[in-house]
């Protein structure tokens, strides 16, 4: 029995979709990499801003100063890991 025009069109659409699937996967992977890079950049910027805020803060309280120094050390350790 001969295939009708509609069934052939559906068959072509299925083939096109199957061929374009790998390209879609590559695009999705690229977008994920860009998103991961952007997230790391934002995290690094946030750490640098925190570091600047701590360095700008002045206090005469030794307990507060010790806490700020400890926070600064932690931030610098995280920045060094990048």
N, C-alpha and C. Protein backbone atom coordinates (compact mmCIF):
# COMPACT_ATOMS: atom_id res chain seq x y z
N UNK A 1 0.85 -1.17 0.00
CA UNK A 1 0.00 0.00 0.00
C UNK A 1 0.90 1.24 0.00
N UNK A 2 0.55 2.22 -0.76
CA UNK A 2 1.35 3.42 -0.90
C UNK A 2 1.14 4.35 0.28
N UNK A 3 2.21 5.02 0.65
CA UNK A 3 2.12 5.99 1.75
C UNK A 3 1.55 7.29 1.22
N UNK A 4 0.78 7.92 2.06
CA UNK A 4 0.21 9.20 1.68
C UNK A 4 1.19 10.33 1.92
N UNK A 5 0.88 11.49 1.45
CA UNK A 5 1.71 12.69 1.59
C UNK A 5 1.96 13.03 3.04
N UNK A 6 0.93 12.92 3.89
CA UNK A 6 1.05 13.29 5.30
C UNK A 6 2.01 12.39 6.05
N UNK A 7 1.95 11.07 5.80
CA UNK A 7 2.82 10.16 6.53
C UNK A 7 4.28 10.40 6.16
N UNK A 8 4.55 10.77 4.93
CA UNK A 8 5.92 11.04 4.51
C UNK A 8 6.42 12.32 5.18
N UNK A 9 5.56 13.29 5.31
CA UNK A 9 5.93 14.53 5.97
C UNK A 9 6.28 14.28 7.44
N UNK A 10 5.50 13.47 8.11
CA UNK A 10 5.76 13.13 9.51
C UNK A 10 7.08 12.40 9.63
N UNK A 11 7.33 11.49 8.69
CA UNK A 11 8.58 10.73 8.70
C UNK A 11 9.78 11.67 8.54
N UNK A 12 9.67 12.63 7.65
CA UNK A 12 10.74 13.61 7.45
C UNK A 12 10.96 14.45 8.71
N UNK A 13 9.88 14.82 9.37
CA UNK A 13 10.00 15.61 10.59
C UNK A 13 10.72 14.83 11.68
N UNK A 14 10.42 13.54 11.78
CA UNK A 14 11.06 12.69 12.79
C UNK A 14 12.55 12.60 12.49
N UNK A 15 12.91 12.43 11.21
CA UNK A 15 14.33 12.35 10.84
C UNK A 15 15.06 13.65 11.15
N UNK A 16 14.43 14.78 10.82
CA UNK A 16 15.05 16.07 11.09
C UNK A 16 15.27 16.29 12.58
N UNK A 17 14.31 15.89 13.36
CA UNK A 17 14.43 16.06 14.81
C UNK A 17 15.55 15.18 15.35
N UNK A 18 15.67 13.95 14.84
CA UNK A 18 16.72 13.05 15.28
C UNK A 18 18.10 13.58 14.91
N UNK A 19 18.20 14.24 13.76
CA UNK A 19 19.48 14.77 13.33
C UNK A 19 19.85 16.04 14.10
N UNK A 20 18.87 16.82 14.51
CA UNK A 20 19.16 18.06 15.22
C UNK A 20 19.34 17.84 16.71
N UNK A 21 19.03 16.68 17.23
CA UNK A 21 19.15 16.41 18.67
C UNK A 21 20.59 16.56 19.17
N UNK A 22 21.61 16.02 18.49
CA UNK A 22 22.98 16.20 18.98
C UNK A 22 23.39 17.67 19.04
N UNK A 23 22.95 18.46 18.10
CA UNK A 23 23.29 19.88 18.10
C UNK A 23 22.67 20.56 19.32
N UNK A 24 21.43 20.21 19.63
CA UNK A 24 20.75 20.77 20.79
C UNK A 24 21.49 20.40 22.06
N UNK A 25 22.00 19.18 22.14
CA UNK A 25 22.75 18.73 23.32
C UNK A 25 24.03 19.55 23.48
N UNK A 26 24.71 19.83 22.38
CA UNK A 26 25.95 20.61 22.43
C UNK A 26 25.65 22.04 22.88
N UNK A 27 24.57 22.61 22.37
CA UNK A 27 24.19 23.96 22.75
C UNK A 27 23.85 24.02 24.24
N UNK A 28 23.13 23.02 24.73
CA UNK A 28 22.78 22.99 26.16
C UNK A 28 24.04 22.87 27.01
N UNK A 29 25.00 22.08 26.58
CA UNK A 29 26.24 21.93 27.34
C UNK A 29 27.02 23.25 27.37
N UNK A 30 27.02 23.96 26.25
CA UNK A 30 27.71 25.25 26.19
C UNK A 30 27.04 26.26 27.11
N UNK A 31 25.71 26.26 27.14
CA UNK A 31 24.99 27.17 28.02
C UNK A 31 25.27 26.84 29.48
N UNK A 32 25.37 25.56 29.81
CA UNK A 32 25.68 25.17 31.18
C UNK A 32 27.08 25.63 31.57
N UNK A 33 28.02 25.54 30.65
CA UNK A 33 29.39 25.99 30.93
C UNK A 33 29.42 27.50 31.15
N UNK A 34 28.67 28.23 30.32
CA UNK A 34 28.61 29.68 30.48
C UNK A 34 27.98 30.05 31.82
N UNK A 35 26.94 29.34 32.19
CA UNK A 35 26.26 29.60 33.47
C UNK A 35 27.20 29.31 34.64
N UNK A 36 27.96 28.22 34.55
CA UNK A 36 28.90 27.88 35.61
C UNK A 36 30.00 28.93 35.71
N UNK A 37 30.50 29.39 34.59
CA UNK A 37 31.53 30.42 34.58
C UNK A 37 31.00 31.71 35.18
N UNK A 38 29.79 32.08 34.82
CA UNK A 38 29.18 33.30 35.35
C UNK A 38 28.98 33.19 36.86
N UNK A 39 28.57 32.01 37.33
CA UNK A 39 28.37 31.81 38.76
C UNK A 39 29.68 31.95 39.52
N UNK A 40 30.75 31.39 38.96
CA UNK A 40 32.07 31.51 39.61
C UNK A 40 32.53 32.96 39.63
N UNK A 41 32.28 33.67 38.56
CA UNK A 41 32.67 35.08 38.50
C UNK A 41 31.92 35.88 39.55
N UNK A 42 30.61 35.64 39.67
CA UNK A 42 29.82 36.35 40.69
C UNK A 42 30.29 36.02 42.09
N UNK A 43 30.63 34.75 42.32
CA UNK A 43 31.10 34.34 43.65
C UNK A 43 32.43 35.03 43.98
N UNK A 44 33.31 35.09 43.00
CA UNK A 44 34.60 35.75 43.22
C UNK A 44 34.42 37.25 43.50
N UNK A 45 33.54 37.88 42.75
CA UNK A 45 33.27 39.30 42.96
C UNK A 45 32.69 39.55 44.34
N UNK A 46 31.80 38.67 44.78
CA UNK A 46 31.20 38.81 46.11
C UNK A 46 32.27 38.69 47.19
N UNK A 47 33.19 37.75 47.03
CA UNK A 47 34.27 37.59 48.00
C UNK A 47 35.18 38.82 48.01
N UNK A 48 35.47 39.36 46.84
CA UNK A 48 36.32 40.54 46.77
C UNK A 48 35.64 41.75 47.44
N UNK A 49 34.32 41.88 47.25
CA UNK A 49 33.59 42.96 47.90
C UNK A 49 33.59 42.80 49.42
N UNK A 50 33.42 41.57 49.89
CA UNK A 50 33.45 41.31 51.33
C UNK A 50 34.83 41.65 51.89
N UNK A 51 35.85 41.29 51.14
CA UNK A 51 37.23 41.57 51.57
C UNK A 51 37.45 43.09 51.69
N UNK A 52 37.00 43.83 50.69
CA UNK A 52 37.15 45.28 50.73
C UNK A 52 36.38 45.90 51.91
N UNK A 53 35.19 45.40 52.17
CA UNK A 53 34.40 45.92 53.28
C UNK A 53 35.11 45.68 54.61
N UNK A 54 35.69 44.50 54.76
CA UNK A 54 36.41 44.19 56.01
C UNK A 54 37.65 45.08 56.15
N UNK A 55 38.37 45.28 55.04
CA UNK A 55 39.57 46.11 55.10
C UNK A 55 39.24 47.56 55.40
N UNK A 56 38.07 48.03 54.96
CA UNK A 56 37.67 49.42 55.20
C UNK A 56 37.16 49.65 56.62
N UNK A 57 36.77 48.59 57.29
CA UNK A 57 36.18 48.75 58.63
C UNK A 57 37.27 49.02 59.68
N UNK A 58 36.99 49.99 60.51
CA UNK A 58 37.92 50.37 61.59
C UNK A 58 37.23 50.11 62.92
N UNK A 59 37.98 49.54 63.84
CA UNK A 59 37.43 49.30 65.17
C UNK A 59 38.55 49.30 66.20
N UNK A 60 38.21 49.71 67.40
CA UNK A 60 39.19 49.68 68.48
C UNK A 60 38.94 48.50 69.41
N UNK A 61 37.84 47.81 69.21
CA UNK A 61 37.50 46.66 70.02
C UNK A 61 38.35 45.46 69.59
N UNK A 62 39.18 44.91 70.50
CA UNK A 62 40.06 43.80 70.11
C UNK A 62 39.30 42.53 69.71
N UNK A 63 38.15 42.31 70.33
CA UNK A 63 37.37 41.11 69.97
C UNK A 63 36.82 41.25 68.55
N UNK A 64 36.30 42.42 68.26
CA UNK A 64 35.76 42.68 66.91
C UNK A 64 36.87 42.62 65.88
N UNK A 65 38.03 43.18 66.22
CA UNK A 65 39.17 43.16 65.31
C UNK A 65 39.61 41.72 65.01
N UNK A 66 39.63 40.88 66.05
CA UNK A 66 40.01 39.48 65.86
C UNK A 66 39.00 38.76 64.95
N UNK A 67 37.72 39.06 65.13
CA UNK A 67 36.70 38.45 64.28
C UNK A 67 36.86 38.89 62.82
N UNK A 68 37.17 40.18 62.64
CA UNK A 68 37.37 40.68 61.28
C UNK A 68 38.61 40.04 60.64
N UNK A 69 39.67 39.88 61.40
CA UNK A 69 40.88 39.26 60.87
C UNK A 69 40.63 37.80 60.50
N UNK A 70 39.86 37.11 61.31
CA UNK A 70 39.53 35.72 61.01
C UNK A 70 38.69 35.64 59.74
N UNK A 71 37.70 36.52 59.60
CA UNK A 71 36.86 36.54 58.41
C UNK A 71 37.70 36.88 57.17
N UNK A 72 38.63 37.81 57.32
CA UNK A 72 39.50 38.19 56.22
C UNK A 72 40.37 37.01 55.79
N UNK A 73 40.90 36.27 56.75
CA UNK A 73 41.71 35.09 56.43
C UNK A 73 40.89 34.05 55.67
N UNK A 74 39.65 33.83 56.08
CA UNK A 74 38.79 32.86 55.41
C UNK A 74 38.50 33.29 53.98
N UNK A 75 38.22 34.58 53.78
CA UNK A 75 37.92 35.09 52.46
C UNK A 75 39.15 34.98 51.56
N UNK A 76 40.31 35.33 52.08
CA UNK A 76 41.53 35.24 51.29
C UNK A 76 41.87 33.79 50.93
N UNK A 77 41.55 32.86 51.81
CA UNK A 77 41.75 31.44 51.51
C UNK A 77 40.83 31.02 50.35
N UNK A 78 39.57 31.45 50.40
CA UNK A 78 38.63 31.12 49.32
C UNK A 78 39.06 31.75 48.00
N UNK A 79 39.55 33.00 48.07
CA UNK A 79 40.01 33.66 46.85
C UNK A 79 41.23 32.96 46.27
N UNK A 80 42.09 32.48 47.12
CA UNK A 80 43.29 31.77 46.64
C UNK A 80 42.91 30.46 45.95
N UNK A 81 41.78 29.88 46.35
CA UNK A 81 41.34 28.61 45.75
C UNK A 81 40.86 28.82 44.30
N UNK A 82 40.49 30.06 43.94
CA UNK A 82 40.03 30.31 42.56
C UNK A 82 41.18 30.27 41.65
